[in-house]
Amino acid sequence: MVEKKLRDVSKRVRHPDFDAMPNRQERFRVPPSLSRPKRVFVNCHYCGYSPPGGVIPQSGICPKCGRSSWDRFALPEPLIPKHMK
């Protein structure tokens, strides 16, 4: 069974441009974090509450569920849905 798997692996066709692909470091001339303007959003990890203006309350506690775990994420401007702009 192992021998059959080894033969199948050797028969796999590699992507024709695999050897011509640049190294990972050469692909990005501008770091992705600097490529476009981004907007940062904040949500409560538990209930999904999004504070107005994206500012976490000073107490650090979610006014909706009372927990204190927040998620921050950034989206490039072109990917932000219209209802979030």
PDB file of N, CA and C in Angstrom:
ATOM      1  N   MET A   1       0.821  -1.197   0.000  1.00  0.00           N
ATOM      2  CA  MET A   1       0.000   0.000   0.000  1.00  0.00           C
ATOM      3  C   MET A   1       0.871   1.269   0.000  1.00  0.00           C
ATOM      4  N   VAL A   2       1.925   1.255   0.807  1.00  0.00           N
ATOM      5  CA  VAL A   2       2.826   2.399   0.884  1.00  0.00           C
ATOM      6  C   VAL A   2       3.542   2.599  -0.449  1.00  0.00           C
ATOM      7  N   GLU A   3       3.933   1.520  -1.075  1.00  0.00           N
ATOM      8  CA  GLU A   3       4.623   1.619  -2.363  1.00  0.00           C
ATOM      9  C   GLU A   3       3.732   2.247  -3.422  1.00  0.00           C
ATOM     10  N   LYS A   4       2.426   1.908  -3.384  1.00  0.00           N
ATOM     11  CA  LYS A   4       1.483   2.477  -4.353  1.00  0.00           C
ATOM     12  C   LYS A   4       1.365   3.994  -4.152  1.00  0.00           C
ATOM     13  N   LYS A   5       1.310   4.421  -2.894  1.00  0.00           N
ATOM     14  CA  LYS A   5       1.232   5.856  -2.611  1.00  0.00           C
ATOM     15  C   LYS A   5       2.484   6.573  -3.105  1.00  0.00           C
ATOM     16  N   LEU A   6       3.640   5.961  -2.913  1.00  0.00           N
ATOM     17  CA  LEU A   6       4.881   6.575  -3.374  1.00  0.00           C
ATOM     18  C   LEU A   6       4.899   6.710  -4.891  1.00  0.00           C
ATOM     19  N   ARG A   7       4.381   5.704  -5.591  1.00  0.00           N
ATOM     20  CA  ARG A   7       4.323   5.794  -7.054  1.00  0.00           C
ATOM     21  C   ARG A   7       3.364   6.898  -7.487  1.00  0.00           C
ATOM     22  N   ASP A   8       2.233   7.042  -6.783  1.00  0.00           N
ATOM     23  CA  ASP A   8       1.264   8.080  -7.128  1.00  0.00           C
ATOM     24  C   ASP A   8       1.843   9.473  -6.914  1.00  0.00           C
ATOM     25  N   VAL A   9       2.638   9.637  -5.884  1.00  0.00           N
ATOM     26  CA  VAL A   9       3.251  10.934  -5.609  1.00  0.00           C
ATOM     27  C   VAL A   9       4.224  11.301  -6.721  1.00  0.00           C
ATOM     28  N   SER A  10       4.975  10.350  -7.202  1.00  0.00           N
ATOM     29  CA  SER A  10       5.949  10.642  -8.244  1.00  0.00           C
ATOM     30  C   SER A  10       5.280  10.968  -9.579  1.00  0.00           C
ATOM     31  N   LYS A  11       4.028  10.554  -9.775  1.00  0.00           N
ATOM     32  CA  LYS A  11       3.315  10.827 -11.022  1.00  0.00           C
ATOM     33  C   LYS A  11       2.641  12.196 -11.040  1.00  0.00           C
ATOM     34  N   ARG A  12       2.579  12.858  -9.893  1.00  0.00           N
ATOM     35  CA  ARG A  12       1.909  14.160  -9.844  1.00  0.00           C
ATOM     36  C   ARG A  12       2.634  15.160 -10.733  1.00  0.00           C
ATOM     37  N   VAL A  13       1.844  15.953 -11.419  1.00  0.00           N
ATOM     38  CA  VAL A  13       2.403  16.961 -12.316  1.00  0.00           C
ATOM     39  C   VAL A  13       2.546  18.263 -11.548  1.00  0.00           C
ATOM     40  N   ARG A  14       3.710  18.846 -11.646  1.00  0.00           N
ATOM     41  CA  ARG A  14       3.932  20.128 -11.000  1.00  0.00           C
ATOM     42  C   ARG A  14       3.389  21.242 -11.874  1.00  0.00           C
ATOM     43  N   HIS A  15       3.069  22.332 -11.243  1.00  0.00           N
ATOM     44  CA  HIS A  15       2.597  23.496 -11.972  1.00  0.00           C
ATOM     45  C   HIS A  15       3.710  23.950 -12.915  1.00  0.00           C
ATOM     46  N   PRO A  16       3.394  24.246 -14.195  1.00  0.00           N
ATOM     47  CA  PRO A  16       4.454  24.578 -15.144  1.00  0.00           C
ATOM     48  C   PRO A  16       5.271  25.819 -14.767  1.00  0.00           C
ATOM     49  N   ASP A  17       4.649  26.756 -14.080  1.00  0.00           N
ATOM     50  CA  ASP A  17       5.360  27.980 -13.724  1.00  0.00           C
ATOM     51  C   ASP A  17       5.915  27.945 -12.309  1.00  0.00           C
ATOM     52  N   PHE A  18       5.863  26.786 -11.657  1.00  0.00           N
ATOM     53  CA  PHE A  18       6.295  26.708 -10.269  1.00  0.00           C
ATOM     54  C   PHE A  18       7.750  27.128 -10.101  1.00  0.00           C
ATOM     55  N   ASP A  19       8.602  26.674 -10.994  1.00  0.00           N
ATOM     56  CA  ASP A  19      10.021  27.020 -10.880  1.00  0.00           C
ATOM     57  C   ASP A  19      10.285  28.479 -11.227  1.00  0.00           C
ATOM     58  N   ALA A  20       9.423  29.073 -12.036  1.00  0.00           N
ATOM     59  CA  ALA A  20       9.616  30.450 -12.455  1.00  0.00           C
ATOM     60  C   ALA A  20       9.008  31.450 -11.471  1.00  0.00           C
ATOM     61  N   MET A  21       8.257  30.952 -10.475  1.00  0.00           N
ATOM     62  CA  MET A  21       7.620  31.862  -9.521  1.00  0.00           C
ATOM     63  C   MET A  21       8.681  32.539  -8.666  1.00  0.00           C
ATOM     64  N   PRO A  22       8.499  33.823  -8.380  1.00  0.00           N
ATOM     65  CA  PRO A  22       9.484  34.521  -7.545  1.00  0.00           C
ATOM     66  C   PRO A  22       9.376  34.052  -6.098  1.00  0.00           C
ATOM     67  N   ASN A  23      10.412  34.305  -5.357  1.00  0.00           N
ATOM     68  CA  ASN A  23      10.375  33.982  -3.934  1.00  0.00           C
ATOM     69  C   ASN A  23       9.296  34.805  -3.261  1.00  0.00           C
ATOM     70  N   ARG A  24       8.844  34.350  -2.123  1.00  0.00           N
ATOM     71  CA  ARG A  24       7.778  35.031  -1.409  1.00  0.00           C
ATOM     72  C   ARG A  24       8.159  36.482  -1.103  1.00  0.00           C
ATOM     73  N   GLN A  25       9.402  36.736  -0.772  1.00  0.00           N
ATOM     74  CA  GLN A  25       9.823  38.087  -0.431  1.00  0.00           C
ATOM     75  C   GLN A  25       9.847  38.994  -1.647  1.00  0.00           C
ATOM     76  N   GLU A  26      10.021  38.450  -2.830  1.00  0.00           N
ATOM     77  CA  GLU A  26      10.098  39.267  -4.034  1.00  0.00           C
ATOM     78  C   GLU A  26       8.722  39.589  -4.603  1.00  0.00           C
ATOM     79  N   ARG A  27       7.692  38.870  -4.194  1.00  0.00           N
ATOM     80  CA  ARG A  27       6.356  39.092  -4.751  1.00  0.00           C
ATOM     81  C   ARG A  27       5.793  40.458  -4.391  1.00  0.00           C
ATOM     82  N   PHE A  28       5.983  40.890  -3.146  1.00  0.00           N
ATOM     83  CA  PHE A  28       5.390  42.139  -2.684  1.00  0.00           C
ATOM     84  C   PHE A  28       6.443  43.235  -2.691  1.00  0.00           C
ATOM     85  N   ARG A  29       6.260  44.203  -3.549  1.00  0.00           N
ATOM     86  CA  ARG A  29       7.194  45.333  -3.557  1.00  0.00           C
ATOM     87  C   ARG A  29       6.817  46.320  -2.471  1.00  0.00           C
ATOM     88  N   VAL A  30       5.511  46.421  -2.190  1.00  0.00           N
ATOM     89  CA  VAL A  30       5.025  47.252  -1.096  1.00  0.00           C
ATOM     90  C   VAL A  30       4.412  46.294  -0.075  1.00  0.00           C
ATOM     91  N   PRO A  31       4.747  46.411   1.190  1.00  0.00           N
ATOM     92  CA  PRO A  31       4.140  45.512   2.170  1.00  0.00           C
ATOM     93  C   PRO A  31       2.613  45.633   2.134  1.00  0.00           C
ATOM     94  N   PRO A  32       1.892  44.520   2.251  1.00  0.00           N
ATOM     95  CA  PRO A  32       0.429  44.573   2.193  1.00  0.00           C
ATOM     96  C   PRO A  32      -0.175  45.523   3.211  1.00  0.00           C
ATOM     97  N   SER A  33       0.464  45.695   4.344  1.00  0.00           N
ATOM     98  CA  SER A  33      -0.086  46.591   5.361  1.00  0.00           C
ATOM     99  C   SER A  33      -0.043  48.054   4.929  1.00  0.00           C
ATOM    100  N   LEU A  34       0.808  48.383   3.962  1.00  0.00           N
ATOM    101  CA  LEU A  34       0.925  49.774   3.498  1.00  0.00           C
ATOM    102  C   LEU A  34       0.339  49.977   2.110  1.00  0.00           C
ATOM    103  N   SER A  35      -0.259  48.943   1.531  1.00  0.00           N
ATOM    104  CA  SER A  35      -0.662  49.013   0.139  1.00  0.00           C
ATOM    105  C   SER A  35      -1.850  49.929  -0.112  1.00  0.00           C
ATOM    106  N   ARG A  36      -2.799  49.992   0.797  1.00  0.00           N
ATOM    107  CA  ARG A  36      -3.988  50.825   0.597  1.00  0.00           C
ATOM    108  C   ARG A  36      -4.381  51.454   1.928  1.00  0.00           C
ATOM    109  N   PRO A  37      -5.186  52.500   1.865  1.00  0.00           N
ATOM    110  CA  PRO A  37      -5.725  53.000   3.131  1.00  0.00           C
ATOM    111  C   PRO A  37      -6.695  51.967   3.699  1.00  0.00           C
ATOM    112  N   LYS A  38      -6.652  51.794   5.000  1.00  0.00           N
ATOM    113  CA  LYS A  38      -7.501  50.816   5.655  1.00  0.00           C
ATOM    114  C   LYS A  38      -8.304  51.489   6.761  1.00  0.00           C
ATOM    115  N   ARG A  39      -9.429  50.850   7.119  1.00  0.00           N
ATOM    116  CA  ARG A  39     -10.218  51.304   8.260  1.00  0.00           C
ATOM    117  C   ARG A  39     -10.211  50.201   9.300  1.00  0.00           C
ATOM    118  N   VAL A  40     -10.046  50.579  10.544  1.00  0.00           N
ATOM    119  CA  VAL A  40     -10.012  49.623  11.643  1.00  0.00           C
ATOM    120  C   VAL A  40     -11.394  49.590  12.295  1.00  0.00           C
ATOM    121  N   PHE A  41     -11.890  48.377  12.521  1.00  0.00           N
ATOM    122  CA  PHE A  41     -13.175  48.175  13.160  1.00  0.00           C
ATOM    123  C   PHE A  41     -12.965  47.435  14.471  1.00  0.00           C
ATOM    124  N   VAL A  42     -13.860  47.677  15.420  1.00  0.00           N
ATOM    125  CA  VAL A  42     -13.805  47.027  16.723  1.00  0.00           C
ATOM    126  C   VAL A  42     -15.154  46.387  16.979  1.00  0.00           C
ATOM    127  N   ASN A  43     -15.148  45.124  17.406  1.00  0.00           N
ATOM    128  CA  ASN A  43     -16.369  44.404  17.755  1.00  0.00           C
ATOM    129  C   ASN A  43     -16.161  43.678  19.067  1.00  0.00           C
ATOM    130  N   CYS A  44     -17.264  43.503  19.805  1.00  0.00           N
ATOM    131  CA  CYS A  44     -17.219  42.653  20.993  1.00  0.00           C
ATOM    132  C   CYS A  44     -17.075  41.211  20.519  1.00  0.00           C
ATOM    133  N   HIS A  45     -16.173  40.477  21.115  1.00  0.00           N
ATOM    134  CA  HIS A  45     -15.908  39.100  20.710  1.00  0.00           C
ATOM    135  C   HIS A  45     -17.122  38.201  20.946  1.00  0.00           C
ATOM    136  N   TYR A  46     -17.895  38.480  21.985  1.00  0.00           N
ATOM    137  CA  TYR A  46     -18.996  37.598  22.371  1.00  0.00           C
ATOM    138  C   TYR A  46     -20.316  37.926  21.682  1.00  0.00           C
ATOM    139  N   CYS A  47     -20.709  39.190  21.673  1.00  0.00           N
ATOM    140  CA  CYS A  47     -22.044  39.529  21.145  1.00  0.00           C
ATOM    141  C   CYS A  47     -22.002  40.250  19.803  1.00  0.00           C
ATOM    142  N   GLY A  48     -20.827  40.709  19.361  1.00  0.00           N
ATOM    143  CA  GLY A  48     -20.716  41.374  18.073  1.00  0.00           C
ATOM    144  C   GLY A  48     -21.035  42.854  18.109  1.00  0.00           C
ATOM    145  N   TYR A  49     -21.234  43.405  19.293  1.00  0.00           N
ATOM    146  CA  TYR A  49     -21.530  44.828  19.417  1.00  0.00           C
ATOM    147  C   TYR A  49     -20.369  45.653  18.885  1.00  0.00           C
ATOM    148  N   SER A  50     -20.696  46.674  18.090  1.00  0.00           N
ATOM    149  CA  SER A  50     -19.690  47.565  17.542  1.00  0.00           C
ATOM    150  C   SER A  50     -19.883  48.950  18.157  1.00  0.00           C
ATOM    151  N   PRO A  51     -18.975  49.401  19.000  1.00  0.00           N
ATOM    152  CA  PRO A  51     -19.152  50.703  19.648  1.00  0.00           C
ATOM    153  C   PRO A  51     -19.112  51.841  18.629  1.00  0.00           C
ATOM    154  N   PRO A  52     -19.885  52.894  18.870  1.00  0.00           N
ATOM    155  CA  PRO A  52     -19.894  54.019  17.935  1.00  0.00           C
ATOM    156  C   PRO A  52     -18.517  54.668  17.822  1.00  0.00           C
ATOM    157  N   GLY A  53     -18.104  54.913  16.608  1.00  0.00           N
ATOM    158  CA  GLY A  53     -16.805  55.524  16.359  1.00  0.00           C
ATOM    159  C   GLY A  53     -15.649  54.556  16.505  1.00  0.00           C
ATOM    160  N   GLY A  54     -15.931  53.301  16.811  1.00  0.00           N
ATOM    161  CA  GLY A  54     -14.875  52.307  16.957  1.00  0.00           C
ATOM    162  C   GLY A  54     -14.015  52.497  18.182  1.00  0.00           C
ATOM    163  N   VAL A  55     -14.554  53.190  19.193  1.00  0.00           N
ATOM    164  CA  VAL A  55     -13.792  53.459  20.413  1.00  0.00           C
ATOM    165  C   VAL A  55     -14.319  52.552  21.524  1.00  0.00           C
ATOM    166  N   ILE A  56     -13.425  51.784  22.123  1.00  0.00           N
ATOM    167  CA  ILE A  56     -13.795  50.899  23.227  1.00  0.00           C
ATOM    168  C   ILE A  56     -14.107  51.765  24.443  1.00  0.00           C
ATOM    169  N   PRO A  57     -15.194  51.462  25.162  1.00  0.00           N
ATOM    170  CA  PRO A  57     -15.512  52.252  26.359  1.00  0.00           C
ATOM    171  C   PRO A  57     -14.339  52.269  27.345  1.00  0.00           C
ATOM    172  N   GLN A  58     -14.234  53.332  28.101  1.00  0.00           N
ATOM    173  CA  GLN A  58     -13.107  53.508  29.008  1.00  0.00           C
ATOM    174  C   GLN A  58     -13.031  52.381  30.030  1.00  0.00           C
ATOM    175  N   SER A  59     -14.163  51.854  30.449  1.00  0.00           N
ATOM    176  CA  SER A  59     -14.155  50.761  31.424  1.00  0.00           C
ATOM    177  C   SER A  59     -13.677  49.456  30.810  1.00  0.00           C
ATOM    178  N   GLY A  60     -13.742  49.349  29.482  1.00  0.00           N
ATOM    179  CA  GLY A  60     -13.331  48.132  28.796  1.00  0.00           C
ATOM    180  C   GLY A  60     -14.401  47.058  28.769  1.00  0.00           C
ATOM    181  N   ILE A  61     -15.586  47.380  29.279  1.00  0.00           N
ATOM    182  CA  ILE A  61     -16.681  46.407  29.355  1.00  0.00           C
ATOM    183  C   ILE A  61     -17.701  46.726  28.275  1.00  0.00           C
ATOM    184  N   CYS A  62     -18.178  45.685  27.609  1.00  0.00           N
ATOM    185  CA  CYS A  62     -19.185  45.852  26.564  1.00  0.00           C
ATOM    186  C   CYS A  62     -20.506  46.266  27.207  1.00  0.00           C
ATOM    187  N   PRO A  63     -21.125  47.359  26.733  1.00  0.00           N
ATOM    188  CA  PRO A  63     -22.390  47.796  27.328  1.00  0.00           C
ATOM    189  C   PRO A  63     -23.555  46.847  27.012  1.00  0.00           C
ATOM    190  N   LYS A  64     -23.404  46.008  26.017  1.00  0.00           N
ATOM    191  CA  LYS A  64     -24.495  45.116  25.628  1.00  0.00           C
ATOM    192  C   LYS A  64     -24.489  43.812  26.436  1.00  0.00           C
ATOM    193  N   CYS A  65     -23.324  43.166  26.562  1.00  0.00           N
ATOM    194  CA  CYS A  65     -23.289  41.858  27.226  1.00  0.00           C
ATOM    195  C   CYS A  65     -22.490  41.851  28.523  1.00  0.00           C
ATOM    196  N   GLY A  66     -21.708  42.894  28.800  1.00  0.00           N
ATOM    197  CA  GLY A  66     -20.979  42.982  30.058  1.00  0.00           C
ATOM    198  C   GLY A  66     -19.633  42.272  30.073  1.00  0.00           C
ATOM    199  N   ARG A  67     -19.190  41.777  28.946  1.00  0.00           N
ATOM    200  CA  ARG A  67     -17.886  41.103  28.904  1.00  0.00           C
ATOM    201  C   ARG A  67     -16.825  42.076  28.404  1.00  0.00           C
ATOM    202  N   SER A  68     -15.567  41.661  28.467  1.00  0.00           N
ATOM    203  CA  SER A  68     -14.497  42.609  28.137  1.00  0.00           C
ATOM    204  C   SER A  68     -13.482  42.017  27.164  1.00  0.00           C
ATOM    205  N   SER A  69     -13.972  41.417  26.091  1.00  0.00           N
ATOM    206  CA  SER A  69     -13.079  40.888  25.067  1.00  0.00           C
ATOM    207  C   SER A  69     -13.441  41.539  23.734  1.00  0.00           C
ATOM    208  N   TRP A  70     -12.480  42.216  23.128  1.00  0.00           N
ATOM    209  CA  TRP A  70     -12.723  42.980  21.911  1.00  0.00           C
ATOM    210  C   TRP A  70     -11.863  42.458  20.773  1.00  0.00           C
ATOM    211  N   ASP A  71     -12.434  42.434  19.587  1.00  0.00           N
ATOM    212  CA  ASP A  71     -11.706  42.053  18.375  1.00  0.00           C
ATOM    213  C   ASP A  71     -11.494  43.292  17.523  1.00  0.00           C
ATOM    214  N   ARG A  72     -10.278  43.465  17.048  1.00  0.00           N
ATOM    215  CA  ARG A  72      -9.971  44.555  16.115  1.00  0.00           C
ATOM    216  C   ARG A  72      -9.597  43.939  14.782  1.00  0.00           C
ATOM    217  N   PHE A  73     -10.116  44.524  13.701  1.00  0.00           N
ATOM    218  CA  PHE A  73      -9.741  44.060  12.375  1.00  0.00           C
ATOM    219  C   PHE A  73      -9.738  45.238  11.423  1.00  0.00           C
ATOM    220  N   ALA A  74      -8.904  45.130  10.404  1.00  0.00           N
ATOM    221  CA  ALA A  74      -8.769  46.210   9.419  1.00  0.00           C
ATOM    222  C   ALA A  74      -9.196  45.701   8.060  1.00  0.00           C
ATOM    223  N   LEU A  75      -9.900  46.550   7.330  1.00  0.00           N
ATOM    224  CA  LEU A  75     -10.310  46.236   5.964  1.00  0.00           C
ATOM    225  C   LEU A  75      -9.812  47.329   5.029  1.00  0.00           C
ATOM    226  N   PRO A  76      -9.314  46.949   3.843  1.00  0.00           N
ATOM    227  CA  PRO A  76      -8.966  47.967   2.855  1.00  0.00           C
ATOM    228  C   PRO A  76     -10.238  48.690   2.409  1.00  0.00           C
ATOM    229  N   GLU A  77     -10.138  49.949   2.107  1.00  0.00           N
ATOM    230  CA  GLU A  77     -11.297  50.762   1.708  1.00  0.00           C
ATOM    231  C   GLU A  77     -12.142  50.114   0.603  1.00  0.00           C
ATOM    232  N   PRO A  78     -11.535  49.541  -0.452  1.00  0.00           N
ATOM    233  CA  PRO A  78     -12.378  48.976  -1.508  1.00  0.00           C
ATOM    234  C   PRO A  78     -13.204  47.761  -1.056  1.00  0.00           C
ATOM    235  N   LEU A  79     -12.820  47.108   0.020  1.00  0.00           N
ATOM    236  CA  LEU A  79     -13.545  45.915   0.466  1.00  0.00           C
ATOM    237  C   LEU A  79     -14.606  46.189   1.520  1.00  0.00           C
ATOM    238  N   ILE A  80     -14.731  47.437   1.969  1.00  0.00           N
ATOM    239  CA  ILE A  80     -15.715  47.761   2.988  1.00  0.00           C
ATOM    240  C   ILE A  80     -17.102  47.789   2.358  1.00  0.00           C
ATOM    241  N   PRO A  81     -18.055  47.019   2.917  1.00  0.00           N
ATOM    242  CA  PRO A  81     -19.417  47.030   2.367  1.00  0.00           C
ATOM    243  C   PRO A  81     -20.047  48.424   2.503  1.00  0.00           C
ATOM    244  N   LYS A  82     -20.999  48.719   1.623  1.00  0.00           N
ATOM    245  CA  LYS A  82     -21.610  50.048   1.613  1.00  0.00           C
ATOM    246  C   LYS A  82     -22.298  50.384   2.936  1.00  0.00           C
ATOM    247  N   HIS A  83     -22.906  49.379   3.586  1.00  0.00           N
ATOM    248  CA  HIS A  83     -23.614  49.665   4.837  1.00  0.00           C
ATOM    249  C   HIS A  83     -22.665  49.980   5.997  1.00  0.00           C
ATOM    250  N   MET A  84     -21.377  49.740   5.821  1.00  0.00           N
ATOM    251  CA  MET A  84     -20.396  50.036   6.881  1.00  0.00           C
ATOM    252  C   MET A  84     -19.642  51.331   6.639  1.00  0.00           C
ATOM    253  N   LYS A  85     -19.866  51.990   5.521  1.00  0.00           N
ATOM    254  CA  LYS A  85     -19.130  53.227   5.211  1.00  0.00           C
ATOM    255  C   LYS A  85     -19.742  54.412   5.895  1.00  0.00           C
TER     256      LYS A  85
END
